[in-house]
PDB file of N, CA and C in Angstrom:
ATOM      1  N   MET A   1      -1.894   8.150   4.629  1.00  0.00           N
ATOM      2  CA  MET A   1      -2.733   8.958   3.823  1.00  0.00           C
ATOM      3  C   MET A   1      -2.658   8.503   2.384  1.00  0.00           C
ATOM      4  N   ALA A   2      -3.782   8.181   1.823  1.00  0.00           N
ATOM      5  CA  ALA A   2      -3.830   7.650   0.452  1.00  0.00           C
ATOM      6  C   ALA A   2      -3.834   8.789  -0.575  1.00  0.00           C
ATOM      7  N   ALA A   3      -3.123   8.600  -1.651  1.00  0.00           N
ATOM      8  CA  ALA A   3      -3.089   9.603  -2.710  1.00  0.00           C
ATOM      9  C   ALA A   3      -4.388   9.542  -3.530  1.00  0.00           C
ATOM     10  N   PRO A   4      -4.844  10.663  -4.040  1.00  0.00           N
ATOM     11  CA  PRO A   4      -6.074  10.604  -4.870  1.00  0.00           C
ATOM     12  C   PRO A   4      -5.782   9.833  -6.195  1.00  0.00           C
ATOM     13  N   LEU A   5      -6.820   9.255  -6.739  1.00  0.00           N
ATOM     14  CA  LEU A   5      -6.654   8.483  -7.983  1.00  0.00           C
ATOM     15  C   LEU A   5      -6.386   9.317  -9.216  1.00  0.00           C
ATOM     16  N   SER A   6      -6.850  10.584  -9.147  1.00  0.00           N
ATOM     17  CA  SER A   6      -6.554  11.488 -10.277  1.00  0.00           C
ATOM     18  C   SER A   6      -5.943  12.753  -9.748  1.00  0.00           C
ATOM     19  N   SER A   7      -5.057  13.312 -10.540  1.00  0.00           N
ATOM     20  CA  SER A   7      -4.415  14.554 -10.110  1.00  0.00           C
ATOM     21  C   SER A   7      -4.074  15.358 -11.371  1.00  0.00           C
ATOM     22  N   GLU A   8      -3.737  16.584 -11.166  1.00  0.00           N
ATOM     23  CA  GLU A   8      -3.402  17.469 -12.220  1.00  0.00           C
ATOM     24  C   GLU A   8      -1.917  17.908 -12.099  1.00  0.00           C
ATOM     25  N   TYR A   9      -1.249  17.851 -13.248  1.00  0.00           N
ATOM     26  CA  TYR A   9       0.158  18.233 -13.306  1.00  0.00           C
ATOM     27  C   TYR A   9       0.212  19.510 -14.071  1.00  0.00           C
ATOM     28  N   ILE A  10       1.052  20.449 -13.596  1.00  0.00           N
ATOM     29  CA  ILE A  10       1.219  21.708 -14.289  1.00  0.00           C
ATOM     30  C   ILE A  10       2.685  21.837 -14.642  1.00  0.00           C
ATOM     31  N   VAL A  11       2.900  22.115 -15.923  1.00  0.00           N
ATOM     32  CA  VAL A  11       4.263  22.264 -16.428  1.00  0.00           C
ATOM     33  C   VAL A  11       4.356  23.677 -17.000  1.00  0.00           C
ATOM     34  N   PHE A  12       5.361  24.411 -16.480  1.00  0.00           N
ATOM     35  CA  PHE A  12       5.561  25.764 -17.033  1.00  0.00           C
ATOM     36  C   PHE A  12       6.695  25.738 -18.049  1.00  0.00           C
ATOM     37  N   ILE A  13       6.415  26.209 -19.203  1.00  0.00           N
ATOM     38  CA  ILE A  13       7.401  26.315 -20.281  1.00  0.00           C
ATOM     39  C   ILE A  13       7.768  27.742 -20.480  1.00  0.00           C
ATOM     40  N   VAL A  14       9.012  28.081 -20.200  1.00  0.00           N
ATOM     41  CA  VAL A  14       9.425  29.475 -20.277  1.00  0.00           C
ATOM     42  C   VAL A  14      10.480  29.599 -21.398  1.00  0.00           C
ATOM     43  N   SER A  15      10.197  30.543 -22.319  1.00  0.00           N
ATOM     44  CA  SER A  15      11.129  30.836 -23.352  1.00  0.00           C
ATOM     45  C   SER A  15      11.541  32.295 -23.223  1.00  0.00           C
ATOM     46  N   ILE A  16      12.287  32.792 -24.180  1.00  0.00           N
ATOM     47  CA  ILE A  16      12.786  34.191 -24.045  1.00  0.00           C
ATOM     48  C   ILE A  16      11.656  35.206 -24.088  1.00  0.00           C
ATOM     49  N   ARG A  17      10.672  35.021 -24.955  1.00  0.00           N
ATOM     50  CA  ARG A  17       9.618  36.052 -25.097  1.00  0.00           C
ATOM     51  C   ARG A  17       8.250  35.583 -24.579  1.00  0.00           C
ATOM     52  N   ASN A  18       8.050  34.308 -24.421  1.00  0.00           N
ATOM     53  CA  ASN A  18       6.743  33.831 -23.990  1.00  0.00           C
ATOM     54  C   ASN A  18       6.832  32.855 -22.816  1.00  0.00           C
ATOM     55  N   THR A  19       5.712  32.768 -22.117  1.00  0.00           N
ATOM     56  CA  THR A  19       5.594  31.761 -21.044  1.00  0.00           C
ATOM     57  C   THR A  19       4.305  30.979 -21.312  1.00  0.00           C
ATOM     58  N   PHE A  20       4.412  29.640 -21.296  1.00  0.00           N
ATOM     59  CA  PHE A  20       3.257  28.838 -21.531  1.00  0.00           C
ATOM     60  C   PHE A  20       2.996  27.975 -20.305  1.00  0.00           C
ATOM     61  N   THR A  21       1.743  27.680 -20.102  1.00  0.00           N
ATOM     62  CA  THR A  21       1.354  26.792 -18.985  1.00  0.00           C
ATOM     63  C   THR A  21       0.641  25.599 -19.618  1.00  0.00           C
ATOM     64  N   LEU A  22       1.154  24.410 -19.308  1.00  0.00           N
ATOM     65  CA  LEU A  22       0.627  23.167 -19.813  1.00  0.00           C
ATOM     66  C   LEU A  22       0.030  22.415 -18.620  1.00  0.00           C
ATOM     67  N   LYS A  23      -1.297  22.175 -18.688  1.00  0.00           N
ATOM     68  CA  LYS A  23      -1.956  21.401 -17.616  1.00  0.00           C
ATOM     69  C   LYS A  23      -2.328  20.047 -18.140  1.00  0.00           C
ATOM     70  N   ILE A  24      -1.959  19.016 -17.401  1.00  0.00           N
ATOM     71  CA  ILE A  24      -2.267  17.671 -17.757  1.00  0.00           C
ATOM     72  C   ILE A  24      -3.078  17.023 -16.651  1.00  0.00           C
ATOM     73  N   SER A  25      -4.208  16.523 -16.978  1.00  0.00           N
ATOM     74  CA  SER A  25      -5.030  15.782 -16.010  1.00  0.00           C
ATOM     75  C   SER A  25      -4.753  14.301 -16.230  1.00  0.00           C
ATOM     76  N   ALA A  26      -4.456  13.588 -15.208  1.00  0.00           N
ATOM     77  CA  ALA A  26      -4.080  12.161 -15.391  1.00  0.00           C
ATOM     78  C   ALA A  26      -4.727  11.329 -14.273  1.00  0.00           C
ATOM     79  N   ASN A  27      -4.940  10.106 -14.575  1.00  0.00           N
ATOM     80  CA  ASN A  27      -5.419   9.115 -13.577  1.00  0.00           C
ATOM     81  C   ASN A  27      -4.269   8.168 -13.257  1.00  0.00           C
ATOM     82  N   TRP A  28      -4.156   7.856 -11.986  1.00  0.00           N
ATOM     83  CA  TRP A  28      -3.148   6.905 -11.577  1.00  0.00           C
ATOM     84  C   TRP A  28      -3.577   5.515 -12.047  1.00  0.00           C
ATOM     85  N   SER A  29      -2.586   4.703 -12.370  1.00  0.00           N
ATOM     86  CA  SER A  29      -2.812   3.344 -12.786  1.00  0.00           C
ATOM     87  C   SER A  29      -3.354   2.561 -11.570  1.00  0.00           C
ATOM     88  N   PRO A  30      -4.316   1.613 -11.818  1.00  0.00           N
ATOM     89  CA  PRO A  30      -4.777   0.825 -10.693  1.00  0.00           C
ATOM     90  C   PRO A  30      -3.687  -0.045 -10.093  1.00  0.00           C
ATOM     91  N   PHE A  31      -2.586  -0.286 -10.845  1.00  0.00           N
ATOM     92  CA  PHE A  31      -1.459  -1.072 -10.338  1.00  0.00           C
ATOM     93  C   PHE A  31      -0.549  -0.309  -9.459  1.00  0.00           C
ATOM     94  N   TYR A  32      -0.760   1.034  -9.315  1.00  0.00           N
ATOM     95  CA  TYR A  32       0.121   1.852  -8.474  1.00  0.00           C
ATOM     96  C   TYR A  32       0.127   1.388  -7.025  1.00  0.00           C
ATOM     97  N   ASN A  33      -1.019   0.917  -6.559  1.00  0.00           N
ATOM     98  CA  ASN A  33      -1.151   0.488  -5.165  1.00  0.00           C
ATOM     99  C   ASN A  33      -0.456  -0.854  -4.970  1.00  0.00           C
ATOM    100  N   LEU A  34      -0.058  -1.574  -5.968  1.00  0.00           N
ATOM    101  CA  LEU A  34       0.570  -2.878  -5.846  1.00  0.00           C
ATOM    102  C   LEU A  34       2.046  -2.762  -5.525  1.00  0.00           C
ATOM    103  N   ARG A  35       2.594  -1.557  -5.413  1.00  0.00           N
ATOM    104  CA  ARG A  35       4.029  -1.376  -5.184  1.00  0.00           C
ATOM    105  C   ARG A  35       4.415  -1.966  -3.817  1.00  0.00           C
ATOM    106  N   VAL A  36       3.502  -1.952  -2.842  1.00  0.00           N
ATOM    107  CA  VAL A  36       3.786  -2.521  -1.519  1.00  0.00           C
ATOM    108  C   VAL A  36       4.014  -4.043  -1.703  1.00  0.00           C
ATOM    109  N   TYR A  37       3.239  -4.678  -2.493  1.00  0.00           N
ATOM    110  CA  TYR A  37       3.368  -6.110  -2.687  1.00  0.00           C
ATOM    111  C   TYR A  37       4.651  -6.425  -3.513  1.00  0.00           C
ATOM    112  N   LEU A  38       5.048  -5.452  -4.350  1.00  0.00           N
ATOM    113  CA  LEU A  38       6.306  -5.642  -5.114  1.00  0.00           C
ATOM    114  C   LEU A  38       7.466  -5.745  -4.165  1.00  0.00           C
ATOM    115  N   TYR A  39       7.542  -4.831  -3.183  1.00  0.00           N
ATOM    116  CA  TYR A  39       8.649  -4.867  -2.221  1.00  0.00           C
ATOM    117  C   TYR A  39       8.647  -6.181  -1.406  1.00  0.00           C
ATOM    118  N   PHE A  40       7.439  -6.635  -1.026  1.00  0.00           N
ATOM    119  CA  PHE A  40       7.326  -7.907  -0.295  1.00  0.00           C
ATOM    120  C   PHE A  40       7.824  -9.042  -1.186  1.00  0.00           C
ATOM    121  N   GLY A  41       7.437  -9.042  -2.466  1.00  0.00           N
ATOM    122  CA  GLY A  41       7.813 -10.083  -3.401  1.00  0.00           C
ATOM    123  C   GLY A  41       9.344 -10.134  -3.620  1.00  0.00           C
ATOM    124  N   ILE A  42       9.949  -8.949  -3.678  1.00  0.00           N
ATOM    125  CA  ILE A  42      11.375  -8.899  -3.841  1.00  0.00           C
ATOM    126  C   ILE A  42      12.112  -9.527  -2.663  1.00  0.00           C
ATOM    127  N   GLY A  43      11.517  -9.378  -1.483  1.00  0.00           N
ATOM    128  CA  GLY A  43      12.118  -9.985  -0.302  1.00  0.00           C
ATOM    129  C   GLY A  43      11.877 -11.493  -0.204  1.00  0.00           C
ATOM    130  N   VAL A  44      10.737 -11.933  -0.719  1.00  0.00           N
ATOM    131  CA  VAL A  44      10.350 -13.318  -0.606  1.00  0.00           C
ATOM    132  C   VAL A  44      11.153 -14.218  -1.559  1.00  0.00           C
ATOM    133  N   ILE A  45      11.478 -13.700  -2.718  1.00  0.00           N
ATOM    134  CA  ILE A  45      12.185 -14.478  -3.709  1.00  0.00           C
ATOM    135  C   ILE A  45      13.538 -14.968  -3.181  1.00  0.00           C
ATOM    136  N   PRO A  46      14.421 -14.145  -2.651  1.00  0.00           N
ATOM    137  CA  PRO A  46      15.692 -14.653  -2.090  1.00  0.00           C
ATOM    138  C   PRO A  46      15.463 -15.629  -0.915  1.00  0.00           C
ATOM    139  N   ALA A  47      14.481 -15.379  -0.089  1.00  0.00           N
ATOM    140  CA  ALA A  47      14.195 -16.284   1.018  1.00  0.00           C
ATOM    141  C   ALA A  47      13.769 -17.633   0.493  1.00  0.00           C
ATOM    142  N   GLY A  48      12.948 -17.659  -0.535  1.00  0.00           N
ATOM    143  CA  GLY A  48      12.511 -18.937  -1.102  1.00  0.00           C
ATOM    144  C   GLY A  48      13.639 -19.682  -1.747  1.00  0.00           C
ATOM    145  N   LEU A  49      14.561 -18.956  -2.425  1.00  0.00           N
ATOM    146  CA  LEU A  49      15.734 -19.593  -3.009  1.00  0.00           C
ATOM    147  C   LEU A  49      16.633 -20.187  -1.944  1.00  0.00           C
ATOM    148  N   LEU A  50      16.779 -19.515  -0.831  1.00  0.00           N
ATOM    149  CA  LEU A  50      17.603 -20.067   0.268  1.00  0.00           C
ATOM    150  C   LEU A  50      16.950 -21.341   0.830  1.00  0.00           C
ATOM    151  N   ILE A  51      15.655 -21.379   0.965  1.00  0.00           N
ATOM    152  CA  ILE A  51      14.978 -22.530   1.450  1.00  0.00           C
ATOM    153  C   ILE A  51      15.175 -23.725   0.490  1.00  0.00           C
ATOM    154  N   VAL A  52      15.051 -23.470  -0.802  1.00  0.00           N
ATOM    155  CA  VAL A  52      15.238 -24.554  -1.797  1.00  0.00           C
ATOM    156  C   VAL A  52      16.661 -25.040  -1.760  1.00  0.00           C
ATOM    157  N   TYR A  53      17.621 -24.132  -1.619  1.00  0.00           N
ATOM    158  CA  TYR A  53      19.024 -24.523  -1.539  1.00  0.00           C
ATOM    159  C   TYR A  53      19.288 -25.382  -0.299  1.00  0.00           C
ATOM    160  N   TYR A  54      18.750 -24.991   0.836  1.00  0.00           N
ATOM    161  CA  TYR A  54      18.906 -25.739   2.102  1.00  0.00           C
ATOM    162  C   TYR A  54      18.282 -27.151   1.917  1.00  0.00           C
ATOM    163  N   GLU A  55      17.092 -27.226   1.319  1.00  0.00           N
ATOM    164  CA  GLU A  55      16.437 -28.514   1.165  1.00  0.00           C
ATOM    165  C   GLU A  55      17.264 -29.462   0.301  1.00  0.00           C
ATOM    166  N   ARG A  56      17.898 -28.897  -0.754  1.00  0.00           N
ATOM    167  CA  ARG A  56      18.759 -29.731  -1.616  1.00  0.00           C
ATOM    168  C   ARG A  56      19.995 -30.237  -0.841  1.00  0.00           C
ATOM    169  N   LEU A  57      20.590 -29.357  -0.029  1.00  0.00           N
ATOM    170  CA  LEU A  57      21.702 -29.789   0.794  1.00  0.00           C
ATOM    171  C   LEU A  57      21.317 -30.874   1.760  1.00  0.00           C
ATOM    172  N   LYS A  58      20.170 -30.701   2.398  1.00  0.00           N
ATOM    173  CA  LYS A  58      19.707 -31.673   3.353  1.00  0.00           C
ATOM    174  C   LYS A  58      19.422 -33.023   2.652  1.00  0.00           C
ATOM    175  N   GLU A  59      18.829 -32.948   1.443  1.00  0.00           N
ATOM    176  CA  GLU A  59      18.510 -34.157   0.726  1.00  0.00           C
ATOM    177  C   GLU A  59      19.805 -34.898   0.314  1.00  0.00           C
ATOM    178  N   SER A  60      20.798 -34.178  -0.118  1.00  0.00           N
ATOM    179  CA  SER A  60      22.064 -34.842  -0.516  1.00  0.00           C
ATOM    180  C   SER A  60      22.789 -35.448   0.716  1.00  0.00           C
ATOM    181  N   ARG A  61      22.698 -34.809   1.878  1.00  0.00           N
ATOM    182  CA  ARG A  61      23.304 -35.384   3.064  1.00  0.00           C
ATOM    183  C   ARG A  61      22.556 -36.667   3.459  1.00  0.00           C
ATOM    184  N   GLU A  62      21.247 -36.613   3.450  1.00  0.00           N
ATOM    185  CA  GLU A  62      20.448 -37.795   3.790  1.00  0.00           C
ATOM    186  C   GLU A  62      20.709 -38.945   2.809  1.00  0.00           C
ATOM    187  N   ARG A  63      20.919 -38.648   1.555  1.00  0.00           N
ATOM    188  CA  ARG A  63      21.177 -39.656   0.547  1.00  0.00           C
ATOM    189  C   ARG A  63      22.566 -40.284   0.839  1.00  0.00           C
ATOM    190  N   ALA A  64      23.537 -39.438   1.167  1.00  0.00           N
ATOM    191  CA  ALA A  64      24.875 -39.984   1.478  1.00  0.00           C
ATOM    192  C   ALA A  64      24.870 -40.854   2.734  1.00  0.00           C
ATOM    193  N   ILE A  65      24.130 -40.443   3.754  1.00  0.00           N
ATOM    194  CA  ILE A  65      23.985 -41.265   4.960  1.00  0.00           C
ATOM    195  C   ILE A  65      23.307 -42.570   4.613  1.00  0.00           C
ATOM    196  N   ARG A  66      22.234 -42.543   3.857  1.00  0.00           N
ATOM    197  CA  ARG A  66      21.500 -43.751   3.473  1.00  0.00           C
ATOM    198  C   ARG A  66      22.383 -44.696   2.699  1.00  0.00           C
ATOM    199  N   GLU A  67      23.199 -44.170   1.775  1.00  0.00           N
ATOM    200  CA  GLU A  67      24.073 -45.007   0.982  1.00  0.00           C
ATOM    201  C   GLU A  67      25.175 -45.626   1.835  1.00  0.00           C
ATOM    202  N   ALA A  68      25.680 -44.835   2.796  1.00  0.00           N
ATOM    203  CA  ALA A  68      26.706 -45.345   3.722  1.00  0.00           C
ATOM    204  C   ALA A  68      26.150 -46.469   4.583  1.00  0.00           C
ATOM    205  N   LEU A  69      24.905 -46.322   5.079  1.00  0.00           N
ATOM    206  CA  LEU A  69      24.343 -47.355   5.896  1.00  0.00           C
ATOM    207  C   LEU A  69      24.038 -48.616   5.079  1.00  0.00           C
ATOM    208  N   GLU A  70      23.637 -48.442   3.827  1.00  0.00           N
ATOM    209  CA  GLU A  70      23.393 -49.634   2.948  1.00  0.00           C
ATOM    210  C   GLU A  70      24.683 -50.386   2.668  1.00  0.00           C
ATOM    211  N   SER A  71      25.770 -49.623   2.452  1.00  0.00           N
ATOM    212  CA  SER A  71      26.999 -50.297   2.142  1.00  0.00           C
ATOM    213  C   SER A  71      27.606 -51.007   3.372  1.00  0.00           C
ATOM    214  N   ASP A  72      27.333 -50.483   4.587  1.00  0.00           N
ATOM    215  CA  ASP A  72      27.789 -51.170   5.804  1.00  0.00           C
ATOM    216  C   ASP A  72      27.031 -52.457   6.075  1.00  0.00           C
ATOM    217  N   SER A  73      25.749 -52.470   5.686  1.00  0.00           N
ATOM    218  CA  SER A  73      24.919 -53.652   6.000  1.00  0.00           C
ATOM    219  C   SER A  73      25.231 -54.835   5.059  1.00  0.00           C
ATOM    220  N   ARG A  74      25.958 -54.645   3.974  1.00  0.00           N
ATOM    221  CA  ARG A  74      26.256 -55.709   3.025  1.00  0.00           C
ATOM    222  C   ARG A  74      27.381 -56.530   3.511  1.00  0.00           C
TER     223      ARG A  74
END
């Protein structure tokens, strides 16, 4: 169920002798619906960092193997 784009907030202010009602009409920010993508992005960043880390490890292992094979062929 989608929330409406505009809504009314009511704040009751109560003091010893008086009671006031404050009504505020507000519109939701258009970025409010992007919160779903924010959660997805927070999950993707660590996954991407792990992939980059793994690729660097793989590259360093391949370089070490290549250097070992080059030194054996001399």
